[in-house]
Amino acid sequence: MGASDSEVLLKVLIHKNEERVVLAEANSAFVDILFSFLTLPMGTLVRVLAKNSEPSLPMAIGSFNSLYKSIEYLDNKYFATEACKDLLLNARNSAEEECQKLKINIDGMKPYFICEGFCFSVDRKYASFSTSSTTKCQRCGKFMIAPVYMCASTNEGDKGVFVTDSASFVIQDDLKVIPSNLARTLDILKSSGITDFGVLEERILKIGSSEILYLVEKALLSKTCLTDLVFGEKCTISPVPSTQSKSSTDSVDGFQKITVNVLVQKSNNKILLAHSSEDFIHMLFSFLSVPLGRVIGVLSKNDGPALCVKNLHQSVSELTAGEYLISQQMKDKLINPHLAMIYQCSNQLFPLNEELIPKFYCATKILSPGRKTYYLSTVAAGVNRELKLASPMCEGRFLKGSTKFMVTDALVVTPLSSMSCISYLQRWKVSLCDIEEHVIDIGLEEALNLLRESLISTSVLTNGLKHLIWNKTNAERSPKKPKVAGSYEKACWMFRIVWDIKLLCLPPVATVFLVIGNNLPFSFGGDTTVKED
């Protein structure tokens, strides 16, 4: 685990006249930290960045902050168990074992818990551990309050964390990472408009935890991360625009549709709010447990926003496993990270692969004669007892059933109340005549759209579901086709066709048809719809 006062060195090459970073050179320790950003759950990013930002200028990640605050303010009585709330606010990292080896780990270590009576050592049937101290031991009924920490494996031959420790890398201002190579470095200088080496200056920076947190923030918001780090922000960062692109649904299946009621402003098709059962809210809350790399990995095939974190993800995908990355397994953990196994639940947007769930063992360490401590490990050795994870959730759910919730366009979630809905609509100053309700089905495509918009927008429902509203509205407003049923109606329709022809060339005949037409079940005006009996 990286201590809070640990530092890594970073060499940067700056343009003296323009005050910008052209490129940087770093060893594996710094690149490991950069790549670890991809393993962080979205809820963790919200928490650590909010904790280290100015209260007057809170750092916002799209609408994830609104989701996080909604959980904070939601009463415990709405959660399936007391531990569910903590599970969402303090999301677990599926790569926590690797992140402990980083020189700087911004998320720190979180303890697991075992029974204080150590029932796991008495009866193998009850050998379990939990992420929460409010989980009860199935054998003795006591709370599992004895903390144990994950011990990072130290297998011989492991060098580095994600990248090989002997490699060095060149990092561009927008966090594109490539192996050190003179020819490619010169190409970067040329593409940056450098023609005179005299304008360049080398600096060596000491990077600590505060600088890493700053880089995390800029990776989500800026296109010039290293320049911002060295010189500060040159201008106000504009919100990232939403795009019309479709989310990729590759390798994700088994998602069951969720029915949601939405209130739409007819004049502009804006979704003002939605109200639904706990299924929809469960899906939204689970977004906080999704690793950043998984969000980028699923959605990066689209013409999405040019975020620096996308360049990090692309850089990992282009590095060769075994040469620059330690292994293909580590590469997969970065570009396609799985959710921590505790978040496996019904209707999961990103199902866990059972084959990738590791086994955990409780090991003993002797501190002194008569004193020992326990720790968790993924390595079986000696008399280590295998433990199973006791889920604090109830039947794979964060929330209790039979509760209705209200969700705003910016993903502020509150229990449903008629008065709160009216108050919200009053704040928007929307006319009652300009509001209509739609019932829509949220499928996999819509769920991924909402996840994507949560990262870049504060109009998540409107941008993520507008195609459903547009299609439904157009279907309702489009003119109906003539309904022809039965020989009499068909004959009447033929009379109408003949009428249009004869009226132009044979006025006497047209008069006859006019008399007949008065007795037909439709008028000869603009409406071509056959009247029903």
Protein backbone atom coordinates (compact mmCIF):
# COMPACT_ATOMS: atom_id res chain seq x y z
CA MET A 1 0.00 0.00 0.00
CA GLY A 2 1.36 3.42 -0.94
CA ALA A 3 1.78 5.71 2.04
CA SER A 4 0.10 9.07 1.92
CA ASP A 5 3.47 10.87 1.88
CA SER A 6 4.91 8.75 -0.95
CA GLU A 7 6.11 10.56 -4.05
CA VAL A 8 7.04 9.63 -7.59
CA LEU A 9 9.12 11.64 -10.04
CA LEU A 10 7.90 12.89 -13.40
CA LYS A 11 10.06 14.55 -16.07
CA VAL A 12 8.16 17.06 -18.18
CA LEU A 13 9.23 18.91 -21.32
CA ILE A 14 7.58 22.32 -21.51
CA HIS A 15 7.25 25.01 -24.16
CA LYS A 16 8.71 28.04 -22.37
CA ASN A 17 7.04 30.68 -24.52
CA GLU A 18 3.57 29.12 -24.64
CA GLU A 19 3.57 27.71 -21.09
CA ARG A 20 2.35 24.26 -22.01
CA VAL A 21 3.58 20.73 -21.51
CA VAL A 22 4.66 19.08 -24.75
CA LEU A 23 5.31 15.64 -23.28
CA ALA A 24 6.49 13.85 -20.16
CA GLU A 25 8.66 10.83 -19.46
CA ALA A 26 7.84 8.46 -16.60
CA ASN A 27 8.79 5.11 -15.17
CA SER A 28 6.46 2.24 -14.41
CA ALA A 29 5.52 3.52 -10.93
CA PHE A 30 3.83 6.66 -12.30
CA VAL A 31 2.19 4.86 -15.23
CA ASP A 32 0.83 2.20 -12.86
CA ILE A 33 -0.89 4.98 -10.91
CA LEU A 34 -2.33 6.52 -14.08
CA PHE A 35 -3.67 3.20 -15.31
CA SER A 36 -5.17 2.43 -11.89
CA PHE A 37 -7.69 5.25 -12.52
CA LEU A 38 -9.52 2.80 -14.80
CA THR A 39 -10.12 0.36 -11.92
CA LEU A 40 -11.81 2.90 -9.63
CA PRO A 41 -15.60 2.55 -9.19
CA MET A 42 -17.56 5.67 -10.10
CA GLY A 43 -18.74 6.06 -6.51
CA THR A 44 -15.14 6.06 -5.31
CA LEU A 45 -14.24 8.80 -7.79
CA VAL A 46 -17.11 10.96 -6.54
CA ARG A 47 -16.15 10.39 -2.90
CA VAL A 48 -12.40 11.00 -3.08
CA LEU A 49 -12.68 14.01 -5.39
CA ALA A 50 -15.43 15.65 -3.32
CA LYS A 51 -13.37 15.10 -0.17
CA ASN A 52 -10.37 16.87 -1.66
CA SER A 53 -12.10 19.76 -3.46
CA GLU A 54 -13.06 23.19 -2.20
CA PRO A 55 -16.52 23.18 -0.55
CA SER A 56 -17.44 26.31 -2.54
CA LEU A 57 -16.33 24.69 -5.82
CA PRO A 58 -17.29 21.01 -5.62
CA MET A 59 -15.96 18.89 -8.44
CA ALA A 60 -18.82 17.27 -10.38
CA ILE A 61 -18.64 14.16 -12.56
CA GLY A 62 -21.68 14.53 -14.78
CA SER A 63 -24.66 13.45 -12.68
CA PHE A 64 -22.85 10.88 -10.56
CA ASN A 65 -22.58 13.42 -7.74
CA SER A 66 -26.37 13.74 -7.68
CA LEU A 67 -26.73 9.97 -7.43
CA TYR A 68 -24.17 9.80 -4.63
CA LYS A 69 -25.82 12.61 -2.65
CA SER A 70 -29.22 10.97 -3.12
CA ILE A 71 -27.95 7.83 -1.39
CA GLU A 72 -26.36 9.88 1.40
CA TYR A 73 -29.63 11.68 2.13
CA LEU A 74 -31.91 8.65 1.69
CA ASP A 75 -33.19 7.27 5.00
CA ASN A 76 -31.84 3.88 6.04
CA LYS A 77 -35.38 2.48 6.18
CA TYR A 78 -35.49 2.32 2.38
CA PHE A 79 -32.44 0.03 2.13
CA ALA A 80 -32.71 -3.74 2.28
CA THR A 81 -30.08 -3.86 5.04
CA GLU A 82 -28.10 -1.28 6.97
CA ALA A 83 -24.96 -2.34 5.13
CA CYS A 84 -26.39 -1.69 1.65
CA LYS A 85 -26.07 2.07 1.99
CA ASP A 86 -22.42 1.80 2.99
CA LEU A 87 -21.82 -0.65 0.17
CA LEU A 88 -22.90 1.99 -2.35
CA LEU A 89 -21.18 4.97 -0.70
CA ASN A 90 -17.90 3.09 -0.23
CA ALA A 91 -17.71 0.98 -3.36
CA ARG A 92 -15.20 -1.84 -3.50
CA ASN A 93 -12.52 -2.08 -6.16
CA SER A 94 -12.16 -5.46 -7.88
CA ALA A 95 -8.45 -4.66 -8.33
CA GLU A 96 -7.87 -3.63 -4.70
CA GLU A 97 -5.18 -6.28 -4.26
CA GLU A 98 -3.15 -4.78 -7.11
CA CYS A 99 -3.80 -1.18 -6.03
CA GLN A 100 -2.26 -1.90 -2.63
CA LYS A 101 1.09 -2.21 -4.40
CA LEU A 102 0.91 1.29 -5.92
CA LYS A 103 3.32 3.95 -4.69
CA ILE A 104 0.27 6.21 -4.26
CA ASN A 105 -3.14 4.63 -3.70
CA ILE A 106 -5.73 7.42 -3.46
CA ASP A 107 -8.47 5.06 -2.26
CA GLY A 108 -6.53 3.55 0.63
CA MET A 109 -7.33 0.22 2.24
CA LYS A 110 -10.77 -0.85 3.40
CA PRO A 111 -11.09 -3.63 5.97
CA TYR A 112 -13.18 -6.75 5.69
CA PHE A 113 -14.81 -8.26 8.76
CA ILE A 114 -14.94 -11.69 10.37
CA CYS A 115 -16.73 -13.00 13.44
CA GLU A 116 -15.03 -11.79 16.62
CA GLY A 117 -15.55 -15.28 18.03
CA PHE A 118 -13.57 -16.68 15.07
CA CYS A 119 -16.33 -19.18 14.29
CA PHE A 120 -14.68 -19.87 10.95
CA SER A 121 -11.90 -21.73 12.79
CA VAL A 122 -14.44 -23.94 14.62
CA ASP A 123 -16.85 -24.92 11.86
CA ARG A 124 -15.91 -24.89 8.19
CA LYS A 125 -19.61 -24.59 7.29
CA TYR A 126 -19.70 -21.06 8.72
CA ALA A 127 -16.33 -19.90 7.38
CA SER A 128 -17.24 -16.51 5.97
CA PHE A 129 -16.28 -12.85 5.90
CA SER A 130 -18.13 -9.65 5.02
CA THR A 131 -17.59 -6.15 3.71
CA SER A 132 -19.71 -4.75 6.55
CA SER A 133 -19.49 -4.88 10.34
CA THR A 134 -23.30 -5.03 10.50
CA THR A 135 -23.43 -8.52 8.97
CA LYS A 136 -24.23 -11.27 11.47
CA CYS A 137 -22.34 -14.53 11.83
CA GLN A 138 -24.57 -17.43 10.78
CA ARG A 139 -23.19 -19.64 13.56
CA CYS A 140 -23.26 -17.50 16.71
CA GLY A 141 -25.50 -14.62 15.59
CA LYS A 142 -23.00 -11.96 16.64
CA PHE A 143 -21.98 -9.11 14.37
CA MET A 144 -18.87 -9.71 12.31
CA ILE A 145 -16.87 -6.80 13.71
CA ALA A 146 -13.29 -8.11 13.77
CA PRO A 147 -11.43 -6.25 10.97
CA VAL A 148 -9.11 -8.08 8.61
CA TYR A 149 -7.17 -6.61 5.71
CA MET A 150 -6.34 -7.95 2.32
CA CYS A 151 -2.71 -8.95 2.01
CA ALA A 152 -1.32 -8.32 -1.46
CA SER A 153 0.24 -11.40 -3.01
CA THR A 154 3.99 -11.30 -3.49
CA ASN A 155 4.58 -14.14 -5.88
CA GLU A 156 8.16 -14.46 -7.05
CA GLY A 157 8.47 -13.09 -10.55
CA ASP A 158 5.88 -10.34 -10.08
CA LYS A 159 7.48 -7.08 -11.17
CA GLY A 160 5.49 -3.88 -11.17
CA VAL A 161 1.74 -3.66 -10.73
CA PHE A 162 0.14 -3.35 -14.15
CA VAL A 163 3.18 -2.54 -16.32
CA THR A 164 6.63 -4.11 -16.24
CA ASP A 165 8.92 -2.28 -13.84
CA SER A 166 11.78 -2.02 -16.33
CA ALA A 167 9.75 -0.12 -18.94
CA SER A 168 9.72 3.65 -19.41
CA PHE A 169 6.99 5.61 -21.13
CA VAL A 170 6.27 8.87 -22.90
CA ILE A 171 3.07 10.63 -21.87
CA GLN A 172 1.42 13.35 -23.94
CA ASP A 173 -0.49 16.30 -22.55
CA ASP A 174 -3.81 14.52 -23.14
CA LEU A 175 -2.56 11.38 -21.30
CA LYS A 176 -1.81 9.27 -24.33
CA VAL A 177 0.83 6.80 -23.12
CA ILE A 178 3.35 5.10 -25.41
CA PRO A 179 6.59 3.19 -24.76
CA SER A 180 9.70 5.36 -24.87
CA ASN A 181 10.89 5.52 -28.45
CA LEU A 182 13.05 8.26 -29.97
CA ALA A 183 11.39 8.24 -33.39
CA ARG A 184 7.90 8.48 -31.93
CA THR A 185 9.03 11.17 -29.48
CA LEU A 186 10.33 13.29 -32.36
CA ASP A 187 7.02 12.79 -34.17
CA ILE A 188 5.20 14.12 -31.09
CA LEU A 189 7.42 17.20 -31.08
CA LYS A 190 6.75 17.82 -34.77
CA SER A 191 3.00 17.37 -34.39
CA SER A 192 3.12 19.82 -31.47
CA GLY A 193 4.57 22.49 -33.75
CA ILE A 194 8.09 22.40 -32.29
CA THR A 195 10.72 23.51 -34.82
CA ASP A 196 13.31 24.96 -32.44
CA PHE A 197 14.66 22.93 -29.52
CA GLY A 198 15.55 26.22 -27.84
CA VAL A 199 11.94 26.78 -26.76
CA LEU A 200 11.95 23.56 -24.74
CA GLU A 201 12.80 23.23 -21.08
CA GLU A 202 12.98 20.11 -18.91
CA ARG A 203 11.58 20.06 -15.39
CA ILE A 204 11.40 17.33 -12.77
CA LEU A 205 8.22 17.24 -10.71
CA LYS A 206 7.58 15.51 -7.41
CA ILE A 207 4.13 13.96 -7.60
CA GLY A 208 2.26 13.22 -4.37
CA SER A 209 -1.29 12.20 -3.53
CA SER A 210 -2.69 15.73 -4.03
CA GLU A 211 -1.23 15.91 -7.54
CA ILE A 212 -2.61 12.46 -8.37
CA LEU A 213 -6.08 13.53 -7.24
CA TYR A 214 -5.75 16.62 -9.43
CA LEU A 215 -4.85 14.42 -12.41
CA VAL A 216 -7.86 12.17 -11.77
CA GLU A 217 -10.12 15.21 -11.90
CA LYS A 218 -8.53 16.61 -15.06
CA ALA A 219 -8.61 13.21 -16.77
CA LEU A 220 -12.41 13.42 -16.53
CA LEU A 221 -12.76 17.06 -17.54
CA SER A 222 -9.79 18.42 -19.46
CA LYS A 223 -7.91 17.79 -22.70
CA THR A 224 -4.62 19.22 -21.36
CA CYS A 225 -4.05 17.39 -18.08
CA LEU A 226 -0.29 17.84 -17.74
CA THR A 227 -0.39 21.52 -18.70
CA ASP A 228 -3.10 22.08 -16.11
CA LEU A 229 -0.96 20.29 -13.53
CA VAL A 230 2.14 22.41 -14.20
CA PHE A 231 0.68 25.81 -15.06
CA GLY A 232 -2.87 25.65 -13.74
CA GLU A 233 -6.05 25.94 -15.77
CA LYS A 234 -5.80 28.32 -18.70
CA CYS A 235 -9.54 28.63 -19.19
CA THR A 236 -12.85 27.47 -17.86
CA ILE A 237 -13.62 23.92 -18.88
CA SER A 238 -16.86 23.73 -20.83
CA PRO A 239 -19.36 20.94 -20.23
CA VAL A 240 -18.94 18.03 -22.59
CA PRO A 241 -21.77 17.96 -25.16
CA SER A 242 -23.98 14.93 -25.48
CA THR A 243 -23.97 12.94 -28.71
CA GLN A 244 -26.62 11.01 -30.57
CA SER A 245 -24.57 7.84 -30.80
CA LYS A 246 -25.79 4.43 -29.82
CA SER A 247 -24.20 2.53 -26.97
CA SER A 248 -22.47 -0.74 -27.65
CA THR A 249 -24.22 -3.81 -26.27
CA ASP A 250 -21.50 -6.30 -27.14
CA SER A 251 -20.94 -9.09 -24.59
CA VAL A 252 -23.80 -7.95 -22.36
CA ASP A 253 -27.00 -9.97 -22.29
CA GLY A 254 -29.75 -11.17 -19.98
CA PHE A 255 -30.94 -7.68 -19.06
CA GLN A 256 -34.64 -7.57 -18.21
CA LYS A 257 -36.64 -4.52 -19.25
CA ILE A 258 -37.86 -2.09 -16.58
CA THR A 259 -41.08 -0.08 -16.94
CA VAL A 260 -40.84 3.60 -15.98
CA ASN A 261 -43.36 6.47 -16.00
CA VAL A 262 -41.96 9.80 -17.17
CA LEU A 263 -43.39 13.32 -17.24
CA VAL A 264 -42.45 15.05 -20.50
CA GLN A 265 -42.60 18.72 -21.43
CA LYS A 266 -44.42 18.56 -24.77
CA SER A 267 -42.99 21.79 -26.18
CA ASN A 268 -39.39 20.52 -26.18
CA ASN A 269 -39.61 16.77 -25.38
CA LYS A 270 -37.61 17.29 -22.19
CA ILE A 271 -38.09 14.64 -19.51
CA LEU A 272 -38.84 16.58 -16.35
CA LEU A 273 -38.90 13.63 -13.99
CA ALA A 274 -39.55 9.91 -13.77
CA HIS A 275 -41.28 7.83 -11.15
CA SER A 276 -40.81 4.12 -10.77
CA SER A 277 -40.48 1.19 -8.41
CA GLU A 278 -37.19 0.19 -6.79
CA ASP A 279 -36.05 -1.78 -9.89
CA PHE A 280 -35.16 1.36 -11.83
CA ILE A 281 -33.54 2.98 -8.78
CA HIS A 282 -31.56 -0.17 -8.07
CA MET A 283 -30.15 0.03 -11.59
CA LEU A 284 -29.23 3.71 -11.23
CA PHE A 285 -27.61 3.21 -7.82
CA SER A 286 -25.59 0.28 -9.16
CA PHE A 287 -23.90 2.68 -11.60
CA LEU A 288 -21.76 3.84 -8.66
CA SER A 289 -20.19 0.38 -8.40
CA VAL A 290 -19.12 0.26 -12.06
CA PRO A 291 -15.36 0.80 -12.62
CA LEU A 292 -14.40 3.76 -14.79
CA GLY A 293 -12.60 1.50 -17.26
CA ARG A 294 -15.77 -0.54 -17.74
CA VAL A 295 -17.77 2.60 -18.50
CA ILE A 296 -15.22 3.74 -21.06
CA GLY A 297 -14.75 0.22 -22.44
CA VAL A 298 -18.42 -0.35 -23.22
CA LEU A 299 -19.04 3.12 -24.59
CA SER A 300 -15.77 4.03 -26.29
CA LYS A 301 -16.87 2.67 -29.69
CA ASN A 302 -19.15 5.68 -30.04
CA ASP A 303 -18.24 9.14 -31.24
CA GLY A 304 -18.22 10.25 -27.62
CA PRO A 305 -16.47 13.14 -25.88
CA ALA A 306 -12.69 13.49 -26.13
CA LEU A 307 -11.81 12.83 -22.50
CA CYS A 308 -8.22 12.21 -21.41
CA VAL A 309 -9.35 9.10 -19.57
CA LYS A 310 -10.40 7.64 -22.93
CA ASN A 311 -6.81 8.12 -24.09
CA LEU A 312 -5.62 6.18 -21.04
CA HIS A 313 -8.00 3.36 -21.91
CA GLN A 314 -6.91 3.38 -25.56
CA SER A 315 -3.24 3.40 -24.54
CA VAL A 316 -3.69 0.26 -22.44
CA SER A 317 -5.46 -1.51 -25.29
CA GLU A 318 -2.53 -0.76 -27.62
CA LEU A 319 0.25 -1.89 -25.25
CA THR A 320 1.52 -5.44 -25.70
CA ALA A 321 0.82 -7.84 -22.86
CA GLY A 322 3.97 -9.57 -21.65
CA GLU A 323 6.23 -6.83 -23.03
CA TYR A 324 4.92 -3.61 -21.50
CA LEU A 325 1.96 -4.90 -19.49
CA ILE A 326 2.71 -7.67 -17.01
CA SER A 327 0.15 -10.08 -18.45
CA GLN A 328 -3.03 -10.33 -20.48
CA GLN A 329 -4.92 -10.74 -17.20
CA MET A 330 -3.68 -7.35 -16.00
CA LYS A 331 -4.55 -5.81 -19.35
CA ASP A 332 -8.10 -7.13 -19.04
CA LYS A 333 -8.35 -5.76 -15.49
CA LEU A 334 -7.71 -2.29 -16.88
CA ILE A 335 -9.64 -2.14 -20.15
CA ASN A 336 -12.52 -4.38 -19.05
CA PRO A 337 -12.53 -4.39 -15.23
CA HIS A 338 -15.17 -6.47 -13.51
CA LEU A 339 -17.34 -5.29 -10.69
CA ALA A 340 -16.24 -6.36 -7.24
CA MET A 341 -17.92 -9.68 -6.55
CA ILE A 342 -20.05 -8.26 -3.73
CA TYR A 343 -22.11 -6.35 -6.34
CA GLN A 344 -23.34 -9.46 -8.12
CA CYS A 345 -27.11 -9.18 -8.10
CA SER A 346 -30.21 -9.81 -10.17
CA ASN A 347 -30.63 -7.96 -13.48
CA GLN A 348 -27.02 -6.83 -13.30
CA LEU A 349 -25.98 -4.53 -16.14
CA PHE A 350 -22.48 -6.03 -16.11
CA PRO A 351 -22.77 -9.65 -14.94
CA LEU A 352 -19.79 -11.09 -13.12
CA ASN A 353 -17.94 -13.96 -14.70
CA GLU A 354 -18.01 -16.75 -12.14
CA GLU A 355 -14.66 -18.04 -13.38
CA LEU A 356 -13.00 -14.76 -12.43
CA ILE A 357 -14.23 -14.70 -8.82
CA PRO A 358 -11.15 -15.48 -6.69
CA LYS A 359 -11.07 -17.69 -3.62
CA PHE A 360 -10.23 -16.02 -0.34
CA TYR A 361 -8.34 -17.55 2.54
CA CYS A 362 -7.91 -16.45 6.13
CA ALA A 363 -4.27 -16.65 7.16
CA THR A 364 -2.61 -16.15 10.52
CA LYS A 365 0.42 -14.04 11.29
CA ILE A 366 2.24 -14.42 14.62
CA LEU A 367 3.08 -11.02 16.09
CA SER A 368 4.67 -12.27 19.32
CA PRO A 369 4.27 -15.24 21.69
CA GLY A 370 0.57 -15.44 22.46
CA ARG A 371 -0.35 -12.69 19.96
CA LYS A 372 -1.46 -13.24 16.42
CA THR A 373 -3.44 -11.45 13.75
CA TYR A 374 -5.56 -12.56 10.82
CA TYR A 375 -5.50 -11.35 7.24
CA LEU A 376 -7.13 -12.24 3.93
CA SER A 377 -5.22 -13.62 0.99
CA THR A 378 -5.98 -15.07 -2.41
CA VAL A 379 -3.09 -17.49 -2.00
CA ALA A 380 -3.73 -20.86 -0.36
CA ALA A 381 -0.88 -21.88 1.91
CA GLY A 382 -0.54 -24.31 4.80
CA VAL A 383 -3.59 -24.41 7.06
CA ASN A 384 -5.28 -21.34 5.58
CA ARG A 385 -9.06 -21.68 5.83
CA GLU A 386 -11.11 -20.82 2.74
CA LEU A 387 -13.77 -18.19 3.46
CA LYS A 388 -16.93 -17.35 1.56
CA LEU A 389 -18.20 -13.83 1.19
CA ALA A 390 -21.39 -13.19 3.16
CA SER A 391 -23.40 -10.70 1.14
CA PRO A 392 -24.97 -7.87 3.15
CA MET A 393 -27.66 -7.47 0.50
CA CYS A 394 -31.09 -9.07 0.70
CA GLU A 395 -31.70 -11.38 -2.27
CA GLY A 396 -29.27 -9.35 -4.35
CA ARG A 397 -31.09 -6.05 -3.80
CA PHE A 398 -29.95 -2.76 -2.32
CA LEU A 399 -33.49 -1.48 -1.66
CA LYS A 400 -36.66 -2.79 -0.08
CA GLY A 401 -39.56 -3.61 -2.36
CA SER A 402 -42.90 -1.81 -2.75
CA THR A 403 -41.35 1.67 -2.55
CA LYS A 404 -41.86 4.27 -5.30
CA PHE A 405 -39.21 6.87 -6.09
CA MET A 406 -38.96 10.09 -8.06
CA VAL A 407 -35.95 10.79 -10.30
CA THR A 408 -35.11 14.17 -11.84
CA ASP A 409 -33.36 14.67 -15.16
CA ALA A 410 -30.08 15.20 -13.26
CA LEU A 411 -30.55 11.93 -11.30
CA VAL A 412 -31.64 13.37 -7.98
CA VAL A 413 -33.52 10.46 -6.37
CA THR A 414 -36.10 10.90 -3.60
CA PRO A 415 -39.07 8.88 -2.31
CA LEU A 416 -42.15 9.61 -4.40
CA SER A 417 -44.46 12.29 -3.04
CA SER A 418 -47.19 14.18 -4.90
CA MET A 419 -46.29 17.41 -3.12
CA SER A 420 -42.59 17.09 -3.93
CA CYS A 421 -43.45 16.46 -7.61
CA ILE A 422 -45.65 19.56 -7.74
CA SER A 423 -42.99 21.63 -5.99
CA TYR A 424 -40.37 20.46 -8.48
CA LEU A 425 -42.57 21.32 -11.48
CA GLN A 426 -43.28 24.75 -9.98
CA ARG A 427 -39.55 25.46 -9.82
CA TRP A 428 -39.31 24.71 -13.53
CA LYS A 429 -42.26 27.05 -14.21
CA VAL A 430 -43.87 24.54 -16.55
CA SER A 431 -47.47 24.97 -17.65
CA LEU A 432 -49.74 22.10 -16.68
CA CYS A 433 -51.03 22.04 -20.27
CA ASP A 434 -47.47 21.45 -21.47
CA ILE A 435 -47.01 18.21 -19.52
CA GLU A 436 -47.89 14.69 -20.56
CA GLU A 437 -47.06 11.30 -19.09
CA HIS A 438 -45.42 8.48 -21.01
CA VAL A 439 -44.88 4.87 -20.01
CA ILE A 440 -41.60 3.56 -21.43
CA ASP A 441 -39.57 0.36 -21.18
CA ILE A 442 -35.89 0.59 -20.25
CA GLY A 443 -33.90 -2.08 -22.05
CA LEU A 444 -30.18 -2.75 -22.28
CA GLU A 445 -29.58 -0.03 -24.88
CA GLU A 446 -31.34 2.57 -22.73
CA ALA A 447 -29.52 1.43 -19.58
CA LEU A 448 -26.14 1.89 -21.27
CA ASN A 449 -27.25 5.25 -22.65
CA LEU A 450 -28.13 6.37 -19.12
CA LEU A 451 -24.78 5.15 -17.80
CA ARG A 452 -22.96 7.05 -20.52
CA GLU A 453 -24.93 10.26 -20.00
CA SER A 454 -24.35 10.03 -16.24
CA LEU A 455 -20.66 10.55 -16.93
CA ILE A 456 -20.96 13.60 -19.17
CA SER A 457 -24.36 15.24 -18.68
CA THR A 458 -26.81 16.74 -16.20
CA SER A 459 -29.77 15.97 -18.48
CA VAL A 460 -29.40 12.22 -18.22
CA LEU A 461 -32.99 11.10 -18.69
CA THR A 462 -33.65 13.44 -21.61
CA ASN A 463 -30.45 12.59 -23.48
CA GLY A 464 -30.51 8.89 -22.68
CA LEU A 465 -34.19 8.21 -23.39
CA LYS A 466 -35.16 10.87 -25.92
CA HIS A 467 -35.35 8.36 -28.77
CA LEU A 468 -38.15 6.55 -26.91
CA ILE A 469 -40.07 9.77 -26.34
CA TRP A 470 -39.56 10.94 -29.93
CA ASN A 471 -40.69 7.61 -31.40
CA LYS A 472 -43.72 7.41 -29.12
CA THR A 473 -44.74 11.02 -29.77
CA ASN A 474 -44.45 10.68 -33.54
CA ALA A 475 -46.40 7.43 -33.53
CA GLU A 476 -49.25 9.09 -31.64
CA ARG A 477 -49.30 12.18 -33.83
CA SER A 478 -48.91 10.50 -37.24
CA PRO A 479 -52.15 10.26 -39.32
CA LYS A 480 -53.80 6.87 -39.39
CA LYS A 481 -54.04 4.95 -42.65
CA PRO A 482 -57.49 4.40 -44.17
CA LYS A 483 -59.20 1.46 -42.58
CA VAL A 484 -60.84 -0.80 -45.17
CA ALA A 485 -62.86 -3.73 -43.90
CA GLY A 486 -65.62 -5.48 -45.84
CA SER A 487 -66.92 -5.37 -49.43
CA TYR A 488 -69.18 -2.33 -48.86
CA GLU A 489 -66.32 -0.20 -47.58
CA LYS A 490 -64.08 -1.34 -50.45
CA ALA A 491 -66.77 -0.34 -52.95
CA CYS A 492 -67.07 3.07 -51.31
CA TRP A 493 -63.34 3.53 -51.54
CA MET A 494 -63.40 2.70 -55.26
CA PHE A 495 -66.18 5.29 -55.75
CA ARG A 496 -63.90 7.86 -54.16
CA ILE A 497 -61.07 7.07 -56.58
CA VAL A 498 -63.42 7.31 -59.56
CA TRP A 499 -64.77 10.59 -58.19
CA ASP A 500 -61.28 12.15 -58.24
CA ILE A 501 -60.82 11.15 -61.88
CA LYS A 502 -64.27 12.00 -63.26
CA LEU A 503 -64.39 15.36 -61.53
CA LEU A 504 -61.58 16.59 -63.76
CA CYS A 505 -62.91 15.51 -67.14
CA LEU A 506 -66.64 14.62 -67.01
CA PRO A 507 -68.68 17.14 -65.02
CA PRO A 508 -72.09 15.43 -65.67
CA VAL A 509 -70.81 12.09 -64.37
CA ALA A 510 -69.24 13.87 -61.43
CA THR A 511 -72.65 15.19 -60.48
CA VAL A 512 -74.00 11.64 -60.34
CA PHE A 513 -71.11 10.55 -58.13
CA LEU A 514 -71.70 13.52 -55.88
CA VAL A 515 -75.27 12.36 -55.26
CA ILE A 516 -74.03 8.82 -54.54
CA GLY A 517 -71.22 10.17 -52.41
CA ASN A 518 -73.61 11.91 -50.07
CA ASN A 519 -74.82 8.48 -49.00
CA LEU A 520 -71.33 7.00 -48.49
CA PRO A 521 -69.86 6.53 -44.99
CA PHE A 522 -67.24 9.27 -45.49
CA SER A 523 -67.06 12.81 -46.82
CA PHE A 524 -65.34 13.90 -50.01
CA GLY A 525 -63.19 16.44 -48.20
CA GLY A 526 -59.56 16.11 -47.19
CA ASP A 527 -60.11 13.31 -44.67
CA THR A 528 -59.66 9.89 -46.30
CA THR A 529 -60.37 7.83 -43.22
CA VAL A 530 -63.30 5.48 -43.47
CA LYS A 531 -65.83 6.04 -40.72
CA GLU A 532 -66.63 3.07 -38.54
CA ASP A 533 -70.18 2.00 -37.85
